[in-house]
C-alpha cells in the first residue's frame, strides 16, 4: 500500500483488479547529452507497482481471480493508462491490470 508523507497518514488500497503505479522519472537529457526542456519531455510508459487489489471477481464461482503483477514489479503500460493521483506531493497512476503490457525482469 502506498503511504503519503502529508500531515494525515493516508493509505491507498486498490480495489479488485486495480493497481497503483509510480511512474518512472522522465529523461532529462538525450543519449547525446542534450538537456531537454520540461515541455518536450515524454512521460515514461514504465513504472513500479506500489500496491495491488485483491483480484477480479469470477461471476460464475464468486471466487477472486488473483492478479499477475505484485508490489515491487517494474511494468510497461499503455500510453493512456490509468488515472493520475497526487498523494503527498508524489504522483501515482491508478490503473487496471489490463493496462499493463509487460513486467520488466
N, C-alpha and C. Protein backbone atom coordinates (compact mmCIF):
# COMPACT_ATOMS: atom_id res chain seq x y z
N UNK A 1 0.83 -1.17 0.00
CA UNK A 1 0.00 0.00 0.00
C UNK A 1 0.88 1.24 0.00
N UNK A 2 0.47 2.23 -0.76
CA UNK A 2 1.26 3.45 -0.86
C UNK A 2 0.92 4.37 0.29
N UNK A 3 1.94 4.87 0.95
CA UNK A 3 1.74 5.81 2.05
C UNK A 3 2.17 7.18 1.60
N UNK A 4 1.43 8.19 1.99
CA UNK A 4 1.81 9.55 1.66
C UNK A 4 2.63 10.13 2.79
N UNK A 5 3.28 11.25 2.49
CA UNK A 5 4.09 11.90 3.52
C UNK A 5 3.44 13.21 3.96
N UNK A 6 2.13 13.32 3.76
CA UNK A 6 1.44 14.54 4.15
C UNK A 6 1.11 14.51 5.63
N UNK A 7 0.41 15.56 6.10
CA UNK A 7 0.07 15.67 7.52
C UNK A 7 -0.75 14.48 7.99
N UNK A 8 -1.76 14.08 7.22
CA UNK A 8 -2.55 12.92 7.60
C UNK A 8 -1.93 11.70 6.91
N UNK A 9 -1.74 10.64 7.67
CA UNK A 9 -1.11 9.45 7.13
C UNK A 9 -2.14 8.68 6.31
N UNK A 10 -2.10 8.84 4.99
CA UNK A 10 -3.08 8.26 4.08
C UNK A 10 -2.54 6.99 3.46
N UNK A 11 -3.37 5.96 3.42
CA UNK A 11 -3.02 4.71 2.78
C UNK A 11 -4.02 4.45 1.66
N UNK A 12 -3.52 4.03 0.51
CA UNK A 12 -4.40 3.70 -0.60
C UNK A 12 -4.37 2.20 -0.82
N UNK A 13 -5.55 1.61 -0.89
CA UNK A 13 -5.69 0.19 -1.14
C UNK A 13 -6.54 0.02 -2.39
N UNK A 14 -5.91 -0.35 -3.53
CA UNK A 14 -6.69 -0.52 -4.76
C UNK A 14 -7.73 -1.63 -4.59
N UNK A 15 -8.83 -1.48 -5.29
CA UNK A 15 -9.90 -2.48 -5.24
C UNK A 15 -9.84 -3.39 -6.46
N UNK A 16 -10.26 -4.61 -6.28
CA UNK A 16 -10.43 -5.60 -7.34
C UNK A 16 -9.18 -5.75 -8.22
N UNK A 17 -9.29 -5.46 -9.54
CA UNK A 17 -8.17 -5.68 -10.45
C UNK A 17 -7.35 -4.41 -10.69
N UNK A 18 -7.44 -3.45 -9.80
CA UNK A 18 -6.71 -2.18 -9.95
C UNK A 18 -5.34 -2.28 -9.29
N UNK A 19 -4.39 -1.51 -9.85
CA UNK A 19 -3.04 -1.44 -9.28
C UNK A 19 -2.62 0.03 -9.20
N UNK A 20 -1.74 0.34 -8.25
CA UNK A 20 -1.21 1.68 -8.07
C UNK A 20 0.24 1.64 -8.53
N UNK A 21 0.59 2.52 -9.48
CA UNK A 21 1.93 2.52 -10.09
C UNK A 21 2.57 3.89 -9.91
N UNK A 22 3.84 3.91 -9.53
CA UNK A 22 4.63 5.15 -9.50
C UNK A 22 5.40 5.18 -10.80
N UNK A 23 5.07 6.15 -11.64
CA UNK A 23 5.70 6.29 -12.95
C UNK A 23 7.18 6.62 -12.79
N UNK A 24 8.03 6.05 -13.66
CA UNK A 24 9.45 6.39 -13.65
C UNK A 24 9.64 7.85 -14.01
N UNK A 25 10.76 8.44 -13.58
CA UNK A 25 11.07 9.82 -13.90
C UNK A 25 11.38 9.97 -15.38
N UNK A 26 11.00 11.13 -15.95
CA UNK A 26 11.27 11.41 -17.35
C UNK A 26 12.75 11.68 -17.54
N UNK A 27 13.24 11.34 -18.72
CA UNK A 27 14.65 11.60 -19.05
C UNK A 27 14.89 13.11 -19.11
N UNK A 28 16.00 13.55 -18.52
CA UNK A 28 16.32 14.99 -18.52
C UNK A 28 17.30 15.35 -19.62
N UNK A 29 17.98 14.34 -20.20
CA UNK A 29 18.85 14.63 -21.34
C UNK A 29 18.86 13.44 -22.28
N UNK A 30 19.17 13.73 -23.53
CA UNK A 30 19.18 12.70 -24.56
C UNK A 30 20.45 11.86 -24.46
N UNK A 31 20.51 10.80 -25.25
CA UNK A 31 21.68 9.93 -25.26
C UNK A 31 22.93 10.67 -25.72
N UNK A 32 22.75 11.73 -26.50
CA UNK A 32 23.89 12.51 -26.99
C UNK A 32 24.28 13.63 -26.04
N UNK A 33 23.55 13.77 -24.92
CA UNK A 33 23.93 14.75 -23.91
C UNK A 33 23.18 16.07 -23.97
N UNK A 34 22.17 16.19 -24.81
CA UNK A 34 21.39 17.43 -24.91
C UNK A 34 20.34 17.43 -23.81
N UNK A 35 20.30 18.50 -23.00
CA UNK A 35 19.30 18.61 -21.93
C UNK A 35 17.95 18.99 -22.52
N UNK A 36 16.92 18.32 -22.06
CA UNK A 36 15.56 18.54 -22.57
C UNK A 36 14.80 19.54 -21.71
N UNK A 37 14.11 20.50 -22.34
CA UNK A 37 13.24 21.39 -21.56
C UNK A 37 12.03 20.63 -21.05
N UNK A 38 11.42 21.12 -20.00
CA UNK A 38 10.28 20.46 -19.36
C UNK A 38 9.17 20.16 -20.36
N UNK A 39 8.91 21.06 -21.30
CA UNK A 39 7.79 20.90 -22.23
C UNK A 39 8.01 19.79 -23.25
N UNK A 40 9.24 19.38 -23.50
CA UNK A 40 9.48 18.37 -24.53
C UNK A 40 9.70 16.97 -23.96
N UNK A 41 9.64 16.83 -22.65
CA UNK A 41 9.84 15.52 -22.04
C UNK A 41 8.61 14.64 -22.24
N UNK A 42 8.84 13.42 -22.70
CA UNK A 42 7.76 12.45 -22.83
C UNK A 42 7.56 11.78 -21.47
N UNK A 43 6.29 11.53 -21.13
CA UNK A 43 6.02 10.81 -19.89
C UNK A 43 6.38 9.35 -20.11
N UNK A 44 7.20 8.78 -19.24
CA UNK A 44 7.58 7.38 -19.40
C UNK A 44 6.37 6.45 -19.31
N UNK A 45 6.46 5.35 -20.02
CA UNK A 45 5.40 4.35 -20.00
C UNK A 45 5.84 3.15 -19.16
N UNK A 46 6.73 3.42 -18.21
CA UNK A 46 7.20 2.39 -17.28
C UNK A 46 7.05 2.90 -15.86
N UNK A 47 6.99 1.97 -14.92
CA UNK A 47 6.88 2.37 -13.52
C UNK A 47 6.97 1.16 -12.61
N UNK A 48 6.84 1.42 -11.31
CA UNK A 48 6.92 0.38 -10.29
C UNK A 48 5.58 0.25 -9.58
N UNK A 49 5.11 -0.97 -9.44
CA UNK A 49 3.84 -1.23 -8.76
C UNK A 49 4.02 -0.97 -7.27
N UNK A 50 3.16 -0.11 -6.72
CA UNK A 50 3.22 0.25 -5.30
C UNK A 50 2.21 -0.54 -4.46
N UNK A 51 1.07 -0.88 -5.06
CA UNK A 51 0.02 -1.62 -4.35
C UNK A 51 -0.87 -2.31 -5.37
N UNK A 52 -1.48 -3.43 -4.98
CA UNK A 52 -2.37 -4.17 -5.87
C UNK A 52 -3.68 -4.48 -5.16
N UNK A 53 -4.74 -4.63 -5.95
CA UNK A 53 -6.04 -5.02 -5.40
C UNK A 53 -6.09 -6.50 -5.11
N UNK A 54 -7.26 -6.98 -4.69
CA UNK A 54 -7.39 -8.39 -4.32
C UNK A 54 -7.82 -9.29 -5.47
N UNK A 55 -7.93 -8.74 -6.68
CA UNK A 55 -8.26 -9.54 -7.86
C UNK A 55 -9.68 -9.33 -8.34
N UNK A 56 -9.90 -9.64 -9.60
CA UNK A 56 -11.22 -9.51 -10.20
C UNK A 56 -12.12 -10.63 -9.68
N UNK A 57 -13.40 -10.38 -9.71
CA UNK A 57 -14.38 -11.36 -9.22
C UNK A 57 -14.85 -12.24 -10.37
N UNK A 58 -14.75 -13.55 -10.19
CA UNK A 58 -15.29 -14.50 -11.15
C UNK A 58 -16.79 -14.57 -10.91
N UNK A 59 -17.58 -14.11 -11.87
CA UNK A 59 -19.03 -14.00 -11.66
C UNK A 59 -19.72 -15.37 -11.59
N UNK A 60 -19.08 -16.40 -12.13
CA UNK A 60 -19.70 -17.73 -12.09
C UNK A 60 -19.49 -18.44 -10.75
N UNK A 61 -18.27 -18.31 -10.19
CA UNK A 61 -17.96 -19.04 -8.95
C UNK A 61 -17.96 -18.13 -7.72
N UNK A 62 -17.83 -16.84 -7.92
CA UNK A 62 -17.76 -15.92 -6.80
C UNK A 62 -16.36 -15.82 -6.20
N UNK A 63 -15.41 -16.55 -6.76
CA UNK A 63 -14.02 -16.52 -6.26
C UNK A 63 -13.25 -15.36 -6.89
N UNK A 64 -12.19 -14.95 -6.22
CA UNK A 64 -11.33 -13.90 -6.74
C UNK A 64 -10.29 -14.49 -7.69
N UNK A 65 -10.04 -13.81 -8.80
CA UNK A 65 -9.00 -14.21 -9.75
C UNK A 65 -7.76 -13.39 -9.39
N UNK A 66 -6.70 -14.04 -8.90
CA UNK A 66 -5.53 -13.30 -8.44
C UNK A 66 -4.85 -12.53 -9.58
N UNK A 67 -4.20 -11.41 -9.22
CA UNK A 67 -3.50 -10.59 -10.20
C UNK A 67 -2.17 -11.22 -10.57
N UNK A 68 -1.71 -10.92 -11.77
CA UNK A 68 -0.43 -11.43 -12.25
C UNK A 68 0.72 -10.62 -11.70
N UNK A 69 0.52 -9.30 -11.54
CA UNK A 69 1.58 -8.44 -11.03
C UNK A 69 1.52 -8.37 -9.52
N UNK A 70 2.65 -8.01 -8.91
CA UNK A 70 2.70 -7.87 -7.45
C UNK A 70 3.46 -6.59 -7.10
N UNK A 71 3.36 -6.19 -5.86
CA UNK A 71 4.03 -4.99 -5.38
C UNK A 71 5.54 -5.12 -5.64
N UNK A 72 6.14 -4.06 -6.18
CA UNK A 72 7.57 -4.06 -6.46
C UNK A 72 7.92 -4.39 -7.90
N UNK A 73 6.97 -4.95 -8.68
CA UNK A 73 7.24 -5.26 -10.09
C UNK A 73 7.43 -3.98 -10.89
N UNK A 74 8.40 -4.00 -11.82
CA UNK A 74 8.55 -2.90 -12.79
C UNK A 74 7.74 -3.31 -14.01
N UNK A 75 6.88 -2.40 -14.49
CA UNK A 75 5.96 -2.73 -15.56
C UNK A 75 6.02 -1.71 -16.69
N UNK A 76 5.60 -2.16 -17.87
CA UNK A 76 5.38 -1.29 -19.03
C UNK A 76 3.88 -1.24 -19.23
N UNK A 77 3.33 -0.02 -19.43
CA UNK A 77 1.88 0.11 -19.58
C UNK A 77 1.54 0.94 -20.80
N UNK A 78 0.27 0.95 -21.19
CA UNK A 78 -0.18 1.67 -22.38
C UNK A 78 -0.07 3.18 -22.19
N UNK A 79 -0.04 3.90 -23.29
CA UNK A 79 0.16 5.35 -23.27
C UNK A 79 -0.86 6.11 -22.44
N UNK A 80 -2.11 5.73 -22.53
CA UNK A 80 -3.17 6.46 -21.84
C UNK A 80 -3.72 5.70 -20.65
N UNK A 81 -2.87 4.91 -20.02
CA UNK A 81 -3.30 4.06 -18.92
C UNK A 81 -3.59 4.86 -17.66
N UNK A 82 -4.62 4.48 -16.97
CA UNK A 82 -4.86 4.93 -15.62
C UNK A 82 -5.32 6.36 -15.41
N UNK A 83 -5.51 6.65 -14.14
CA UNK A 83 -5.91 7.96 -13.66
C UNK A 83 -4.80 8.49 -12.76
N UNK A 84 -4.35 9.72 -13.03
CA UNK A 84 -3.28 10.30 -12.24
C UNK A 84 -3.81 10.73 -10.87
N UNK A 85 -3.06 10.38 -9.83
CA UNK A 85 -3.40 10.71 -8.45
C UNK A 85 -2.18 11.35 -7.81
N UNK A 86 -2.37 12.43 -7.06
CA UNK A 86 -1.26 13.06 -6.35
C UNK A 86 -1.47 12.88 -4.86
N UNK A 87 -0.47 12.26 -4.21
CA UNK A 87 -0.54 11.99 -2.78
C UNK A 87 0.72 12.50 -2.11
N UNK A 88 0.59 13.45 -1.23
CA UNK A 88 1.75 13.95 -0.50
C UNK A 88 2.85 14.46 -1.41
N UNK A 89 2.50 15.06 -2.54
CA UNK A 89 3.50 15.59 -3.46
C UNK A 89 4.05 14.57 -4.44
N UNK A 90 3.63 13.32 -4.33
CA UNK A 90 4.09 12.28 -5.25
C UNK A 90 2.96 11.89 -6.18
N UNK A 91 3.27 11.76 -7.47
CA UNK A 91 2.25 11.38 -8.44
C UNK A 91 2.25 9.87 -8.67
N UNK A 92 1.05 9.31 -8.72
CA UNK A 92 0.85 7.90 -8.96
C UNK A 92 -0.16 7.73 -10.09
N UNK A 93 -0.23 6.54 -10.65
CA UNK A 93 -1.26 6.17 -11.61
C UNK A 93 -2.06 5.02 -11.04
N UNK A 94 -3.38 5.14 -11.03
CA UNK A 94 -4.27 4.05 -10.64
C UNK A 94 -4.80 3.48 -11.96
N UNK A 95 -4.51 2.20 -12.21
CA UNK A 95 -4.91 1.61 -13.48
C UNK A 95 -5.39 0.18 -13.28
N UNK A 96 -6.02 -0.33 -14.30
CA UNK A 96 -6.44 -1.72 -14.32
C UNK A 96 -5.25 -2.58 -14.71
N UNK A 97 -5.22 -3.81 -14.23
CA UNK A 97 -4.12 -4.70 -14.61
C UNK A 97 -4.11 -4.93 -16.12
N UNK A 98 -5.25 -4.78 -16.78
CA UNK A 98 -5.34 -4.94 -18.23
C UNK A 98 -4.51 -3.90 -18.99
N UNK A 99 -4.21 -2.76 -18.36
CA UNK A 99 -3.41 -1.71 -18.99
C UNK A 99 -1.92 -2.05 -19.00
N UNK A 100 -1.52 -3.06 -18.23
CA UNK A 100 -0.12 -3.47 -18.17
C UNK A 100 0.20 -4.37 -19.37
N UNK A 101 1.26 -3.98 -20.10
CA UNK A 101 1.65 -4.75 -21.27
C UNK A 101 2.67 -5.83 -20.94
N UNK A 102 3.58 -5.53 -19.98
CA UNK A 102 4.65 -6.48 -19.65
C UNK A 102 5.25 -6.15 -18.30
N UNK A 103 5.86 -7.17 -17.70
CA UNK A 103 6.65 -6.99 -16.47
C UNK A 103 8.12 -7.02 -16.87
N UNK A 104 8.89 -6.06 -16.38
CA UNK A 104 10.32 -5.99 -16.69
C UNK A 104 11.08 -6.81 -15.66
N UNK A 105 11.82 -7.82 -16.14
CA UNK A 105 12.62 -8.67 -15.23
C UNK A 105 14.02 -8.13 -15.06
